Amino acid sequence: MWGNKPWDNDRAADWFANLMHCTHFPDQIRETLLLCEREGACGEDTAALRAAVYCVLQFCHVYVWPIEYLDSDLELAIKATHKILSDESYCYSEKITAEIKAELEELELRRKPS
């Protein structure tokens, strides 16, 4: 083990790599996140975007997510979260807006320093 996270050891890192490869989970998440780039992507897309962002929050870590997509998928999730925040019908209360802003903050903290 090289850390305290569930993925901070060889066995777990290999398990996650196999899971991601066999299920194509990151590809499905990326496909959903790309909805944020469509013109007028709100409404029904917003709920799917939020679900995909949740998955990024949970799984987009070194040793879990495919490293070649980690940074770009993180950026897509940040863009998607901004799109979610722009959907007033989805962000209908201060509570949900605050939760989404906290998720955005966590995503932004994971960015590589420029």
Protein backbone atom coordinates (compact mmCIF):
# COMPACT_ATOMS: atom_id res chain seq x y z
CA MET A 1 0.00 0.00 0.00
CA TRP A 2 1.22 3.47 -0.80
CA GLY A 3 -1.66 5.42 0.74
CA ASN A 4 -4.94 5.13 2.61
CA LYS A 5 -7.40 5.32 -0.28
CA PRO A 6 -9.13 2.13 -1.41
CA TRP A 7 -7.17 2.26 -4.68
CA ASP A 8 -3.73 2.94 -3.17
CA ASN A 9 -2.31 -0.54 -3.64
CA ASP A 10 -1.36 -2.74 -6.57
CA ARG A 11 -4.19 -5.25 -6.20
CA ALA A 12 -6.91 -2.59 -6.01
CA ALA A 13 -5.42 -0.48 -8.81
CA ASP A 14 -5.37 -3.56 -11.05
CA TRP A 15 -8.96 -4.39 -10.04
CA PHE A 16 -10.14 -0.89 -10.96
CA ALA A 17 -8.22 -0.98 -14.25
CA ASN A 18 -9.91 -4.25 -15.15
CA LEU A 19 -13.33 -2.93 -14.14
CA MET A 20 -12.95 0.22 -16.21
CA HIS A 21 -11.66 -1.72 -19.22
CA CYS A 22 -14.27 -4.49 -19.16
CA THR A 23 -17.29 -2.30 -18.56
CA HIS A 24 -16.29 0.71 -20.71
CA PHE A 25 -17.63 2.75 -17.79
CA PRO A 26 -15.39 5.78 -18.47
CA ASP A 27 -16.51 5.82 -22.11
CA GLN A 28 -20.16 5.89 -21.07
CA ILE A 29 -19.50 8.69 -18.57
CA ARG A 30 -17.55 10.68 -21.18
CA GLU A 31 -20.35 10.25 -23.72
CA THR A 32 -22.83 11.68 -21.21
CA LEU A 33 -20.53 14.54 -20.21
CA LEU A 34 -20.23 15.53 -23.86
CA LEU A 35 -23.93 16.42 -23.76
CA CYS A 36 -22.83 19.66 -22.09
CA GLU A 37 -21.32 20.77 -25.38
CA ARG A 38 -24.63 20.56 -27.23
CA GLU A 39 -26.48 23.78 -27.82
CA GLY A 40 -29.35 24.08 -25.36
CA ALA A 41 -28.26 21.03 -23.34
CA CYS A 42 -30.60 21.45 -20.40
CA GLY A 43 -33.82 19.86 -19.28
CA GLU A 44 -33.58 16.08 -19.37
CA ASP A 45 -29.85 16.28 -20.14
CA THR A 46 -29.20 18.09 -16.86
CA ALA A 47 -30.15 15.11 -14.70
CA ALA A 48 -27.93 12.80 -16.77
CA LEU A 49 -25.07 15.32 -16.59
CA ARG A 50 -25.36 15.48 -12.82
CA ALA A 51 -25.29 11.69 -12.59
CA ALA A 52 -22.18 11.57 -14.78
CA VAL A 53 -20.50 14.30 -12.72
CA TYR A 54 -21.24 12.26 -9.59
CA CYS A 55 -19.43 9.31 -11.15
CA VAL A 56 -16.45 11.51 -11.95
CA LEU A 57 -16.41 12.76 -8.36
CA GLN A 58 -16.36 9.18 -7.09
CA PHE A 59 -14.10 7.46 -9.61
CA CYS A 60 -11.93 10.00 -11.45
CA HIS A 61 -8.77 9.40 -9.41
CA VAL A 62 -5.30 8.26 -10.33
CA TYR A 63 -5.16 4.42 -10.16
CA VAL A 64 -8.92 4.20 -10.74
CA TRP A 65 -9.71 6.17 -13.92
CA PRO A 66 -7.80 5.53 -17.15
CA ILE A 67 -4.88 7.93 -16.81
CA GLU A 68 -4.94 9.01 -20.46
CA TYR A 69 -8.44 10.48 -19.95
CA LEU A 70 -8.28 11.61 -16.34
CA ASP A 71 -7.51 15.29 -16.95
CA SER A 72 -9.77 15.72 -19.99
CA ASP A 73 -12.70 13.96 -18.31
CA LEU A 74 -12.22 16.09 -15.22
CA GLU A 75 -12.38 19.21 -17.40
CA LEU A 76 -15.52 17.90 -19.11
CA ALA A 77 -17.11 17.32 -15.70
CA ILE A 78 -16.28 20.90 -14.68
CA LYS A 79 -17.84 22.20 -17.88
CA ALA A 80 -20.90 19.98 -17.33
CA THR A 81 -21.27 21.26 -13.78
CA HIS A 82 -21.31 24.85 -15.01
CA LYS A 83 -24.02 23.82 -17.47
CA ILE A 84 -26.02 22.23 -14.63
CA LEU A 85 -25.73 25.42 -12.59
CA SER A 86 -27.10 27.41 -15.52
CA ASP A 87 -30.30 25.32 -15.57
CA GLU A 88 -32.61 27.30 -13.29
CA SER A 89 -35.33 24.67 -13.37
CA TYR A 90 -32.88 22.03 -12.10
CA CYS A 91 -31.28 24.37 -9.56
CA TYR A 92 -34.67 25.26 -8.12
CA SER A 93 -33.49 25.76 -4.53
CA GLU A 94 -30.60 27.24 -2.64
CA LYS A 95 -29.85 23.81 -1.16
CA ILE A 96 -29.39 22.00 -4.47
CA THR A 97 -27.45 24.94 -5.90
CA ALA A 98 -25.12 24.90 -2.88
CA GLU A 99 -24.59 21.13 -3.27
CA ILE A 100 -23.72 21.50 -6.94
CA LYS A 101 -21.38 24.42 -6.21
CA ALA A 102 -19.61 22.25 -3.61
CA GLU A 103 -19.24 19.48 -6.21
CA LEU A 104 -17.79 22.01 -8.65
CA GLU A 105 -15.33 23.21 -6.03
CA GLU A 106 -14.15 19.64 -5.41
CA LEU A 107 -13.70 19.04 -9.14
CA GLU A 108 -11.74 22.27 -9.53
CA LEU A 109 -9.45 21.33 -6.61
CA ARG A 110 -8.47 18.18 -8.51
CA ARG A 111 -7.24 20.13 -11.53
CA LYS A 112 -3.56 20.00 -12.27
CA PRO A 113 -1.92 23.32 -11.44
CA SER A 114 -1.21 25.25 -14.64
